[in-house]
Amino acid sequence: MTITARTLLRAAGICAAIAGLLFVGVQIGHPPMGLATVTTTDWIVRSTAKAVMAALALAGITGMYLRQVRQAGILGLAGYAVFAAGYLLMLGIEIIAATVLPSLADTAPGYVADVLAVAFGGTAVHGIGALQTVIVLGSVGYLAGGCVFGVALFRAGVLARWAAALLAVGTVATVALAVLPESFNRPLAVPTGVALIGLGVSLWNDQRATVEG
């Protein structure tokens, strides 16, 4: 099979759609975030799925940006750069969540509890070192980058505009989690997942139409 730009963009569309499905899927039946959960197989599986989701989403948004680099302009570049950084940091955080936190839950429960607190906008009692900066920057990258990138995609008008608008609204809406109970975390993640699915399918269809045309 010959690898072409169209093939890579179609693959990026698939990656984005799968990332969206994973993002929605891991929210279903998600247990409460606590020390008792960190050591379970469910936690490891979900955290691993989130890491895979972040990697696939990164590939997906890269394809989206490259498809409309001229139409997106400086706003698109800024949004993509920040959003991509957010997903890169999210990837690292979820790898730590899947491989490191379970082994520390018994020997350093206070540290793990502080990590979970910071991850949900709380404050660490004893401090978690540089990981706090990573979590904060990852959150900012996801929120700000998703909003700006969604707006840029909407303005470019190449991919599905409803999905672009949903991406912008869905990512920035998670700011409300700072003042809402944890139970709202799962429903508020769904719009972003749906947006990724919509944009991924739109990118796939766009490239298929180009090839068939």
C-alpha atoms as a PDB file:
ATOM      1  CA  MET A   1       0.000   0.000   0.000  1.00  0.00           C
ATOM      2  CA  THR A   2       1.284   3.412  -0.959  1.00  0.00           C
ATOM      3  CA  ILE A   3       1.406   5.888   1.907  1.00  0.00           C
ATOM      4  CA  THR A   4       0.071   9.266   0.811  1.00  0.00           C
ATOM      5  CA  ALA A   5      -0.986  12.447   2.554  1.00  0.00           C
ATOM      6  CA  ARG A   6      -4.629  11.452   2.034  1.00  0.00           C
ATOM      7  CA  THR A   7      -3.986   8.047   3.607  1.00  0.00           C
ATOM      8  CA  LEU A   8      -2.397   9.655   6.656  1.00  0.00           C
ATOM      9  CA  LEU A   9      -5.234  12.146   7.037  1.00  0.00           C
ATOM     10  CA  ARG A  10      -7.811   9.386   6.811  1.00  0.00           C
ATOM     11  CA  ALA A  11      -5.864   7.469   9.451  1.00  0.00           C
ATOM     12  CA  ALA A  12      -5.885  10.598  11.619  1.00  0.00           C
ATOM     13  CA  GLY A  13      -9.655  10.741  11.252  1.00  0.00           C
ATOM     14  CA  ILE A  14      -9.931   7.145  12.455  1.00  0.00           C
ATOM     15  CA  CYS A  15      -7.627   7.926  15.389  1.00  0.00           C
ATOM     16  CA  ALA A  16      -9.776  10.894  16.427  1.00  0.00           C
ATOM     17  CA  ALA A  17     -12.992   8.879  16.213  1.00  0.00           C
ATOM     18  CA  ILE A  18     -11.550   6.004  18.261  1.00  0.00           C
ATOM     19  CA  ALA A  19     -10.188   8.502  20.799  1.00  0.00           C
ATOM     20  CA  GLY A  20     -13.661   9.978  21.162  1.00  0.00           C
ATOM     21  CA  LEU A  21     -15.211   6.539  21.631  1.00  0.00           C
ATOM     22  CA  LEU A  22     -12.633   5.681  24.294  1.00  0.00           C
ATOM     23  CA  PHE A  23     -13.160   9.011  26.035  1.00  0.00           C
ATOM     24  CA  VAL A  24     -16.895   8.363  26.266  1.00  0.00           C
ATOM     25  CA  GLY A  25     -16.457   4.682  27.077  1.00  0.00           C
ATOM     26  CA  VAL A  26     -14.174   5.159  30.090  1.00  0.00           C
ATOM     27  CA  GLN A  27     -16.755   7.446  31.691  1.00  0.00           C
ATOM     28  CA  ILE A  28     -19.395   4.701  31.811  1.00  0.00           C
ATOM     29  CA  GLY A  29     -19.548   3.186  35.270  1.00  0.00           C
ATOM     30  CA  HIS A  30     -16.404   5.027  36.349  1.00  0.00           C
ATOM     31  CA  PRO A  31     -15.820   4.407  40.067  1.00  0.00           C
ATOM     32  CA  PRO A  32     -15.213   7.260  42.533  1.00  0.00           C
ATOM     33  CA  MET A  33     -11.647   8.556  42.610  1.00  0.00           C
ATOM     34  CA  GLY A  34     -10.063   7.361  45.847  1.00  0.00           C
ATOM     35  CA  LEU A  35      -7.273   5.287  47.369  1.00  0.00           C
ATOM     36  CA  ALA A  36      -9.406   2.167  47.357  1.00  0.00           C
ATOM     37  CA  THR A  37      -9.926   2.525  43.598  1.00  0.00           C
ATOM     38  CA  VAL A  38      -6.307   3.148  42.618  1.00  0.00           C
ATOM     39  CA  THR A  39      -5.204  -0.415  43.374  1.00  0.00           C
ATOM     40  CA  THR A  40      -7.960  -2.096  41.359  1.00  0.00           C
ATOM     41  CA  THR A  41      -7.703  -3.651  37.918  1.00  0.00           C
ATOM     42  CA  ASP A  42     -10.524  -1.351  36.834  1.00  0.00           C
ATOM     43  CA  TRP A  43      -8.349   1.688  37.589  1.00  0.00           C
ATOM     44  CA  ILE A  44      -5.379   0.319  35.654  1.00  0.00           C
ATOM     45  CA  VAL A  45      -7.523  -0.598  32.644  1.00  0.00           C
ATOM     46  CA  ARG A  46      -9.284   2.778  32.572  1.00  0.00           C
ATOM     47  CA  SER A  47      -6.056   4.746  33.049  1.00  0.00           C
ATOM     48  CA  THR A  48      -4.397   2.745  30.264  1.00  0.00           C
ATOM     49  CA  ALA A  49      -7.389   3.400  28.013  1.00  0.00           C
ATOM     50  CA  LYS A  50      -7.116   7.121  28.778  1.00  0.00           C
ATOM     51  CA  ALA A  51      -3.426   7.059  27.839  1.00  0.00           C
ATOM     52  CA  VAL A  52      -4.265   5.371  24.531  1.00  0.00           C
ATOM     53  CA  MET A  53      -7.050   7.912  24.018  1.00  0.00           C
ATOM     54  CA  ALA A  54      -4.637  10.823  24.540  1.00  0.00           C
ATOM     55  CA  ALA A  55      -2.157   9.394  22.019  1.00  0.00           C
ATOM     56  CA  LEU A  56      -4.878   8.772  19.424  1.00  0.00           C
ATOM     57  CA  ALA A  57      -6.411  12.218  20.020  1.00  0.00           C
ATOM     58  CA  LEU A  58      -3.006  13.808  19.469  1.00  0.00           C
ATOM     59  CA  ALA A  59      -2.692  12.036  16.119  1.00  0.00           C
ATOM     60  CA  GLY A  60      -6.258  13.006  15.266  1.00  0.00           C
ATOM     61  CA  ILE A  61      -5.975  16.731  15.973  1.00  0.00           C
ATOM     62  CA  THR A  62      -2.659  16.813  14.100  1.00  0.00           C
ATOM     63  CA  GLY A  63      -4.448  15.511  11.016  1.00  0.00           C
ATOM     64  CA  MET A  64      -7.267  18.023  11.501  1.00  0.00           C
ATOM     65  CA  TYR A  65      -4.828  20.898  11.692  1.00  0.00           C
ATOM     66  CA  LEU A  66      -2.794  19.786   8.680  1.00  0.00           C
ATOM     67  CA  ARG A  67      -5.961  19.372   6.611  1.00  0.00           C
ATOM     68  CA  GLN A  68      -6.866  23.042   7.073  1.00  0.00           C
ATOM     69  CA  VAL A  69      -3.596  24.692   7.990  1.00  0.00           C
ATOM     70  CA  ARG A  70      -4.176  27.613   5.602  1.00  0.00           C
ATOM     71  CA  GLN A  71      -7.804  28.162   6.557  1.00  0.00           C
ATOM     72  CA  ALA A  72      -7.113  27.917  10.291  1.00  0.00           C
ATOM     73  CA  GLY A  73      -4.432  30.620  10.260  1.00  0.00           C
ATOM     74  CA  ILE A  74      -2.563  31.790  13.350  1.00  0.00           C
ATOM     75  CA  LEU A  75      -5.522  31.020  15.614  1.00  0.00           C
ATOM     76  CA  GLY A  76      -5.507  27.434  14.436  1.00  0.00           C
ATOM     77  CA  LEU A  77      -1.760  27.103  14.973  1.00  0.00           C
ATOM     78  CA  ALA A  78      -1.992  28.521  18.495  1.00  0.00           C
ATOM     79  CA  GLY A  79      -4.963  26.345  19.370  1.00  0.00           C
ATOM     80  CA  TYR A  80      -3.342  23.223  17.965  1.00  0.00           C
ATOM     81  CA  ALA A  81      -0.023  23.833  19.747  1.00  0.00           C
ATOM     82  CA  VAL A  82      -1.663  24.355  23.143  1.00  0.00           C
ATOM     83  CA  PHE A  83      -4.167  21.519  22.681  1.00  0.00           C
ATOM     84  CA  ALA A  84      -1.438  19.129  21.545  1.00  0.00           C
ATOM     85  CA  ALA A  85       0.688  20.050  24.571  1.00  0.00           C
ATOM     86  CA  GLY A  86      -2.317  19.352  26.786  1.00  0.00           C
ATOM     87  CA  TYR A  87      -2.765  15.890  25.290  1.00  0.00           C
ATOM     88  CA  LEU A  88       0.966  15.133  25.573  1.00  0.00           C
ATOM     89  CA  LEU A  89       0.899  15.994  29.259  1.00  0.00           C
ATOM     90  CA  MET A  90      -2.328  14.036  29.698  1.00  0.00           C
ATOM     91  CA  LEU A  91      -0.625  11.024  28.128  1.00  0.00           C
ATOM     92  CA  GLY A  92       2.202  11.232  30.655  1.00  0.00           C
ATOM     93  CA  ILE A  93      -0.191  11.717  33.572  1.00  0.00           C
ATOM     94  CA  GLU A  94      -2.303   8.710  32.628  1.00  0.00           C
ATOM     95  CA  ILE A  95       0.787   6.518  32.227  1.00  0.00           C
ATOM     96  CA  ILE A  96       1.787   7.527  35.755  1.00  0.00           C
ATOM     97  CA  ALA A  97      -1.762   6.840  36.941  1.00  0.00           C
ATOM     98  CA  ALA A  98      -1.710   3.352  35.432  1.00  0.00           C
ATOM     99  CA  THR A  99       1.817   2.283  36.372  1.00  0.00           C
ATOM    100  CA  VAL A 100       3.049   4.334  39.345  1.00  0.00           C
ATOM    101  CA  LEU A 101       0.129   5.308  41.575  1.00  0.00           C
ATOM    102  CA  PRO A 102      -1.097   1.731  42.199  1.00  0.00           C
ATOM    103  CA  SER A 103       2.316   0.741  43.546  1.00  0.00           C
ATOM    104  CA  LEU A 104       2.392   3.782  45.865  1.00  0.00           C
ATOM    105  CA  ALA A 105      -1.124   3.442  47.244  1.00  0.00           C
ATOM    106  CA  ASP A 106      -0.011   1.191  50.115  1.00  0.00           C
ATOM    107  CA  THR A 107       3.419   2.686  50.860  1.00  0.00           C
ATOM    108  CA  ALA A 108       2.629   6.383  50.299  1.00  0.00           C
ATOM    109  CA  PRO A 109      -1.158   6.792  50.537  1.00  0.00           C
ATOM    110  CA  GLY A 110      -0.898  10.477  51.443  1.00  0.00           C
ATOM    111  CA  TYR A 111       1.000  11.246  48.253  1.00  0.00           C
ATOM    112  CA  VAL A 112      -1.513   9.371  46.105  1.00  0.00           C
ATOM    113  CA  ALA A 113      -4.397  11.153  47.830  1.00  0.00           C
ATOM    114  CA  ASP A 114      -2.732  14.499  47.121  1.00  0.00           C
ATOM    115  CA  VAL A 115      -2.268  13.585  43.442  1.00  0.00           C
ATOM    116  CA  LEU A 116      -5.961  12.732  43.161  1.00  0.00           C
ATOM    117  CA  ALA A 117      -6.899  15.968  44.904  1.00  0.00           C
ATOM    118  CA  VAL A 118      -4.818  18.103  42.531  1.00  0.00           C
ATOM    119  CA  ALA A 119      -6.140  16.198  39.512  1.00  0.00           C
ATOM    120  CA  PHE A 120      -9.649  17.372  40.421  1.00  0.00           C
ATOM    121  CA  GLY A 121      -8.759  20.978  41.105  1.00  0.00           C
ATOM    122  CA  GLY A 122      -8.101  20.567  44.809  1.00  0.00           C
ATOM    123  CA  THR A 123      -5.043  21.333  46.917  1.00  0.00           C
ATOM    124  CA  ALA A 124      -2.302  18.942  47.947  1.00  0.00           C
ATOM    125  CA  VAL A 125      -1.823  18.738  51.705  1.00  0.00           C
ATOM    126  CA  HIS A 126       1.844  17.754  51.621  1.00  0.00           C
ATOM    127  CA  GLY A 127       2.794  18.642  48.052  1.00  0.00           C
ATOM    128  CA  ILE A 128       3.438  16.340  45.094  1.00  0.00           C
ATOM    129  CA  GLY A 129       6.476  18.033  43.598  1.00  0.00           C
ATOM    130  CA  ALA A 130       6.739  18.760  39.881  1.00  0.00           C
ATOM    131  CA  LEU A 131       3.769  16.522  39.131  1.00  0.00           C
ATOM    132  CA  GLN A 132       1.501  19.334  40.322  1.00  0.00           C
ATOM    133  CA  THR A 133       2.890  21.629  37.614  1.00  0.00           C
ATOM    134  CA  VAL A 134       2.428  18.892  35.014  1.00  0.00           C
ATOM    135  CA  ILE A 135      -1.208  18.342  36.028  1.00  0.00           C
ATOM    136  CA  VAL A 136      -1.987  22.068  36.057  1.00  0.00           C
ATOM    137  CA  LEU A 137      -0.336  22.689  32.686  1.00  0.00           C
ATOM    138  CA  GLY A 138      -2.078  19.651  31.221  1.00  0.00           C
ATOM    139  CA  SER A 139      -5.441  20.969  32.399  1.00  0.00           C
ATOM    140  CA  VAL A 140      -4.750  24.447  31.011  1.00  0.00           C
ATOM    141  CA  GLY A 141      -3.613  22.977  27.690  1.00  0.00           C
ATOM    142  CA  TYR A 142      -6.743  20.845  27.426  1.00  0.00           C
ATOM    143  CA  LEU A 143      -9.147  23.645  28.375  1.00  0.00           C
ATOM    144  CA  ALA A 144      -7.616  26.604  26.566  1.00  0.00           C
ATOM    145  CA  GLY A 145      -6.272  24.627  23.624  1.00  0.00           C
ATOM    146  CA  GLY A 146      -9.524  22.771  23.056  1.00  0.00           C
ATOM    147  CA  CYS A 147     -11.528  25.972  23.112  1.00  0.00           C
ATOM    148  CA  VAL A 148      -9.235  27.904  20.767  1.00  0.00           C
ATOM    149  CA  PHE A 149      -8.730  24.951  18.425  1.00  0.00           C
ATOM    150  CA  GLY A 150     -12.479  24.328  18.266  1.00  0.00           C
ATOM    151  CA  VAL A 151     -13.120  27.979  17.413  1.00  0.00           C
ATOM    152  CA  ALA A 152     -10.420  27.867  14.727  1.00  0.00           C
ATOM    153  CA  LEU A 153     -11.919  24.720  13.176  1.00  0.00           C
ATOM    154  CA  PHE A 154     -15.367  26.298  13.238  1.00  0.00           C
ATOM    155  CA  ARG A 155     -14.092  29.432  11.502  1.00  0.00           C
ATOM    156  CA  ALA A 156     -12.177  27.400   8.906  1.00  0.00           C
ATOM    157  CA  GLY A 157     -15.381  25.581   7.966  1.00  0.00           C
ATOM    158  CA  VAL A 158     -13.645  22.562   6.429  1.00  0.00           C
ATOM    159  CA  LEU A 159     -14.761  19.892   8.894  1.00  0.00           C
ATOM    160  CA  ALA A 160     -18.140  19.486  10.599  1.00  0.00           C
ATOM    161  CA  ARG A 161     -18.852  22.836  12.240  1.00  0.00           C
ATOM    162  CA  TRP A 162     -21.226  21.390  14.834  1.00  0.00           C
ATOM    163  CA  ALA A 163     -18.427  19.120  16.071  1.00  0.00           C
ATOM    164  CA  ALA A 164     -15.944  21.998  16.124  1.00  0.00           C
ATOM    165  CA  ALA A 165     -18.361  24.103  18.170  1.00  0.00           C
ATOM    166  CA  LEU A 166     -18.996  21.183  20.523  1.00  0.00           C
ATOM    167  CA  LEU A 167     -15.245  20.744  21.005  1.00  0.00           C
ATOM    168  CA  ALA A 168     -14.844  24.384  21.994  1.00  0.00           C
ATOM    169  CA  VAL A 169     -17.796  24.345  24.369  1.00  0.00           C
ATOM    170  CA  GLY A 170     -17.158  20.856  25.741  1.00  0.00           C
ATOM    171  CA  THR A 171     -13.535  21.446  26.720  1.00  0.00           C
ATOM    172  CA  VAL A 172     -14.048  24.847  28.325  1.00  0.00           C
ATOM    173  CA  ALA A 173     -17.151  23.616  30.182  1.00  0.00           C
ATOM    174  CA  THR A 174     -14.958  21.376  32.320  1.00  0.00           C
ATOM    175  CA  VAL A 175     -13.793  24.506  34.158  1.00  0.00           C
ATOM    176  CA  ALA A 176     -17.014  24.124  36.126  1.00  0.00           C
ATOM    177  CA  LEU A 177     -15.633  20.953  37.724  1.00  0.00           C
ATOM    178  CA  ALA A 178     -13.657  23.148  40.112  1.00  0.00           C
ATOM    179  CA  VAL A 179     -16.920  23.993  41.910  1.00  0.00           C
ATOM    180  CA  LEU A 180     -19.080  20.985  41.043  1.00  0.00           C
ATOM    181  CA  PRO A 181     -19.190  17.566  42.748  1.00  0.00           C
ATOM    182  CA  GLU A 182     -17.084  14.752  41.292  1.00  0.00           C
ATOM    183  CA  SER A 183     -20.226  13.108  39.925  1.00  0.00           C
ATOM    184  CA  PHE A 184     -20.389  15.829  37.243  1.00  0.00           C
ATOM    185  CA  ASN A 185     -16.949  14.881  35.915  1.00  0.00           C
ATOM    186  CA  ARG A 186     -18.228  11.988  33.814  1.00  0.00           C
ATOM    187  CA  PRO A 187     -21.179  13.693  32.060  1.00  0.00           C
ATOM    188  CA  LEU A 188     -19.095  16.793  31.280  1.00  0.00           C
ATOM    189  CA  ALA A 189     -16.502  14.658  29.474  1.00  0.00           C
ATOM    190  CA  VAL A 190     -19.013  13.210  27.018  1.00  0.00           C
ATOM    191  CA  PRO A 191     -19.422  16.290  24.743  1.00  0.00           C
ATOM    192  CA  THR A 192     -15.675  16.380  24.030  1.00  0.00           C
ATOM    193  CA  GLY A 193     -15.727  12.679  23.172  1.00  0.00           C
ATOM    194  CA  VAL A 194     -18.670  13.176  20.825  1.00  0.00           C
ATOM    195  CA  ALA A 195     -16.877  16.147  19.237  1.00  0.00           C
ATOM    196  CA  LEU A 196     -13.783  14.039  18.551  1.00  0.00           C
ATOM    197  CA  ILE A 197     -15.935  11.340  16.980  1.00  0.00           C
ATOM    198  CA  GLY A 198     -17.701  13.895  14.790  1.00  0.00           C
ATOM    199  CA  LEU A 199     -14.501  15.602  13.693  1.00  0.00           C
ATOM    200  CA  GLY A 200     -12.795  12.276  13.054  1.00  0.00           C
ATOM    201  CA  VAL A 201     -15.636  11.011  10.877  1.00  0.00           C
ATOM    202  CA  SER A 202     -15.739  14.367   9.096  1.00  0.00           C
ATOM    203  CA  LEU A 203     -12.007  14.175   8.340  1.00  0.00           C
ATOM    204  CA  TRP A 204     -12.387  10.606   7.089  1.00  0.00           C
ATOM    205  CA  ASN A 205     -15.312  11.519   4.834  1.00  0.00           C
ATOM    206  CA  ASP A 206     -13.489  14.604   3.573  1.00  0.00           C
ATOM    207  CA  GLN A 207     -10.518  12.530   2.447  1.00  0.00           C
ATOM    208  CA  ARG A 208     -12.713   9.771   1.013  1.00  0.00           C
ATOM    209  CA  ALA A 209     -14.593  12.343  -1.042  1.00  0.00           C
ATOM    210  CA  THR A 210     -11.274  13.773  -2.233  1.00  0.00           C
ATOM    211  CA  VAL A 211     -10.031  10.346  -3.313  1.00  0.00           C
ATOM    212  CA  GLU A 212     -13.285   9.390  -5.023  1.00  0.00           C
ATOM    213  CA  GLY A 213     -13.479  12.783  -6.722  1.00  0.00           C
END
